[in-house]
Amino acid sequence: MPKHAFPGDWNRIIAYAISVVIILVALWFISEKKPLSEVPQKPLTETAETEWYVKFSVKDQKSTAYLNYSGVLPSSGGRYYIGGVAVHPIYPGADPRQPIIPYGTMIYLEEPVKVHGREMSAFKVIDTGDIYYGRYGSTPYWIDIYWGSGDYYSNRSATDFGIQTVNYYWYEPWR
């Protein structure tokens, strides 16, 4: 008596055949896939150099708050804004346009201070003050934080700030 396949066996054979065809088609697509074109890169120049910075830090320096009543621009020539600070000139009696810390340098306080109720720990050098180091000569890296235009509330807040001692650091390019 000849052996005949049962109807369930034919279904299994057809399912295996279809699976094999699907796998072969998938392998063919994968092998034919072209590699992605490379993103054009900017050529390296021989003048590309690493820029080095030096970290400076000072401790126990006086910090005060100042206001701009007159509308005069800061010695850097820019504009006043909350987050700006004034520092001493490079040495007592020097040109006020030569600060001890260069204009545009960010200084970072180790502990934040409250400026108009907002804690701030990073400030940008925008101005010079106390040209002859008369007030705080014992702290040559004194900072004067810009507090506003001189309205009643700014004046009151600056007075409340008073004189505080701060520790801070900044970075300058290696020369």
Protein backbone atom coordinates (compact mmCIF):
# COMPACT_ATOMS: atom_id res chain seq x y z
CA MET A 1 0.00 0.00 0.00
CA PRO A 2 1.55 3.29 -1.08
CA LYS A 3 2.24 5.83 1.53
CA HIS A 4 0.31 9.05 1.09
CA ALA A 5 0.95 12.31 2.93
CA PHE A 6 -1.80 13.41 5.20
CA PRO A 7 -3.38 16.84 4.62
CA GLY A 8 -1.70 18.23 7.80
CA ASP A 9 1.74 17.23 6.44
CA TRP A 10 1.16 19.21 3.22
CA ASN A 11 0.36 22.33 5.22
CA ARG A 12 3.60 21.92 7.18
CA ILE A 13 5.65 21.41 3.98
CA ILE A 14 4.14 24.52 2.35
CA ALA A 15 4.83 26.62 5.49
CA TYR A 16 8.49 25.47 5.51
CA ALA A 17 8.86 26.27 1.80
CA ILE A 18 7.42 29.76 2.24
CA SER A 19 9.73 30.39 5.24
CA VAL A 20 12.78 29.34 3.20
CA VAL A 21 11.77 31.65 0.33
CA ILE A 22 11.29 34.60 2.72
CA ILE A 23 14.71 34.02 4.34
CA LEU A 24 16.41 33.77 0.91
CA VAL A 25 14.75 37.02 -0.28
CA ALA A 26 15.80 38.82 2.94
CA LEU A 27 19.41 37.62 2.56
CA TRP A 28 19.43 38.81 -1.06
CA PHE A 29 18.22 42.32 -0.02
CA ILE A 30 20.83 42.56 2.73
CA SER A 31 23.66 41.52 0.41
CA GLU A 32 22.58 44.03 -2.26
CA LYS A 33 22.33 46.98 0.15
CA LYS A 34 24.79 49.71 -0.78
CA PRO A 35 26.90 51.30 1.96
CA LEU A 36 25.88 54.79 3.08
CA SER A 37 27.88 57.50 1.46
CA GLU A 38 30.31 59.15 3.87
CA VAL A 39 29.59 62.61 5.18
CA PRO A 40 32.15 65.01 3.73
CA GLN A 41 34.65 65.98 6.42
CA LYS A 42 36.38 69.31 6.77
CA PRO A 43 40.06 68.67 6.05
CA LEU A 44 42.39 69.08 9.00
CA THR A 45 44.77 71.95 8.65
CA GLU A 46 48.29 71.89 9.91
CA THR A 47 47.69 75.10 11.85
CA ALA A 48 45.02 73.53 14.08
CA GLU A 49 46.38 73.79 17.61
CA THR A 50 45.00 72.97 21.01
CA GLU A 51 44.16 76.04 23.05
CA TRP A 52 45.39 75.91 26.64
CA TYR A 53 43.96 77.75 29.63
CA VAL A 54 45.26 78.59 33.09
CA LYS A 55 42.91 78.47 36.06
CA PHE A 56 43.36 81.27 38.60
CA SER A 57 41.64 81.28 41.97
CA VAL A 58 41.49 83.74 44.85
CA LYS A 59 40.21 83.42 48.40
CA ASP A 60 38.75 85.84 50.94
CA GLN A 61 38.21 88.76 48.57
CA LYS A 62 35.76 91.58 49.26
CA SER A 63 32.59 91.74 47.22
CA THR A 64 30.30 94.77 47.00
CA ALA A 65 27.27 95.86 44.95
CA TYR A 66 27.14 98.96 42.75
CA LEU A 67 24.50 100.89 40.85
CA ASN A 68 24.56 103.02 37.72
CA TYR A 69 22.84 106.31 38.47
CA SER A 70 24.29 108.33 35.59
CA GLY A 71 23.66 106.17 32.52
CA VAL A 72 27.37 106.25 31.62
CA LEU A 73 28.67 103.09 29.91
CA PRO A 74 31.05 100.69 31.71
CA SER A 75 34.78 101.04 30.98
CA SER A 76 34.63 98.04 28.61
CA GLY A 77 32.39 100.09 26.31
CA GLY A 78 29.53 97.58 26.46
CA ARG A 79 26.34 97.80 28.47
CA TYR A 80 25.53 97.21 32.11
CA TYR A 81 23.50 94.12 33.00
CA ILE A 82 22.78 91.95 36.01
CA GLY A 83 25.56 89.38 35.93
CA GLY A 84 28.32 91.88 35.20
CA VAL A 85 31.08 92.84 37.63
CA ALA A 86 33.72 95.52 38.01
CA VAL A 87 37.27 94.71 39.15
CA HIS A 88 40.33 96.77 40.05
CA PRO A 89 42.58 98.09 37.27
CA ILE A 90 45.73 96.08 36.64
CA TYR A 91 47.57 98.08 39.34
CA PRO A 92 46.70 101.11 41.53
CA GLY A 93 46.33 104.29 39.50
CA ALA A 94 46.52 102.48 36.14
CA ASP A 95 44.34 103.24 33.13
CA PRO A 96 40.82 102.10 34.14
CA ARG A 97 40.50 100.40 30.74
CA GLN A 98 43.10 97.80 31.81
CA PRO A 99 41.40 95.55 34.37
CA ILE A 100 43.29 93.12 36.62
CA ILE A 101 41.07 90.37 35.11
CA PRO A 102 40.48 90.85 31.34
CA TYR A 103 37.13 92.17 30.08
CA GLY A 104 34.77 89.40 29.06
CA THR A 105 36.28 86.87 31.47
CA MET A 106 33.75 84.77 33.36
CA ILE A 107 34.40 84.45 37.07
CA TYR A 108 32.84 81.62 39.07
CA LEU A 109 32.06 82.00 42.76
CA GLU A 110 32.59 78.96 44.95
CA GLU A 111 29.38 79.84 46.82
CA PRO A 112 26.53 81.70 45.07
CA VAL A 113 25.34 85.12 46.20
CA LYS A 114 21.78 86.43 46.01
CA VAL A 115 21.27 89.25 43.52
CA HIS A 116 17.71 90.60 43.80
CA GLY A 117 16.67 87.30 45.39
CA ARG A 118 18.21 85.12 42.67
CA GLU A 119 21.25 82.96 43.46
CA MET A 120 24.10 83.65 41.05
CA SER A 121 27.57 82.16 40.90
CA ALA A 122 28.89 83.22 37.47
CA PHE A 123 29.65 86.81 36.45
CA LYS A 124 31.32 88.54 33.51
CA VAL A 125 33.95 91.27 33.89
CA ILE A 126 32.51 94.40 32.22
CA ASP A 127 33.89 97.33 34.22
CA THR A 128 36.62 98.64 36.52
CA GLY A 129 36.27 100.59 39.72
CA ASP A 130 38.20 101.82 42.80
CA ILE A 131 41.07 102.93 40.55
CA TYR A 132 43.47 103.66 43.42
CA TYR A 133 42.54 100.54 45.45
CA GLY A 134 41.46 103.00 48.14
CA ARG A 135 38.65 101.02 49.68
CA TYR A 136 39.79 97.42 49.43
CA GLY A 137 43.52 97.53 48.77
CA SER A 138 44.02 94.50 51.01
CA THR A 139 41.93 92.45 48.57
CA PRO A 140 43.34 93.19 45.11
CA TYR A 141 40.83 90.85 43.47
CA TRP A 142 37.80 92.61 44.98
CA ILE A 143 34.69 92.44 42.79
CA ASP A 144 31.86 94.93 42.53
CA ILE A 145 28.66 93.24 41.32
CA TYR A 146 26.38 95.34 39.11
CA TRP A 147 23.07 95.66 40.94
CA GLY A 148 20.91 97.82 38.68
CA SER A 149 20.08 101.33 37.55
CA GLY A 150 19.75 102.98 40.94
CA ASP A 151 16.01 102.80 41.53
CA TYR A 152 14.69 102.51 45.07
CA TYR A 153 14.51 98.69 45.11
CA SER A 154 17.97 98.17 43.57
CA ASN A 155 19.44 100.65 46.05
CA ARG A 156 17.75 98.90 48.97
CA SER A 157 18.87 95.44 47.77
CA ALA A 158 22.47 96.62 47.18
CA THR A 159 22.57 98.13 50.68
CA ASP A 160 21.29 94.85 52.14
CA PHE A 161 24.03 92.96 50.26
CA GLY A 162 26.68 95.13 51.92
CA ILE A 163 30.25 93.83 51.86
CA GLN A 164 30.71 90.08 51.62
CA THR A 165 33.81 87.93 51.42
CA VAL A 166 33.94 85.56 48.42
CA ASN A 167 36.21 82.92 46.91
CA TYR A 168 36.20 82.57 43.13
CA TYR A 169 38.14 81.37 40.09
CA TRP A 170 38.48 82.16 36.39
CA TYR A 171 40.33 80.92 33.31
CA GLU A 172 42.65 82.82 30.99
CA PRO A 173 44.28 81.62 27.77
CA TRP A 174 47.86 80.39 28.19
CA ARG A 175 50.33 82.90 26.73
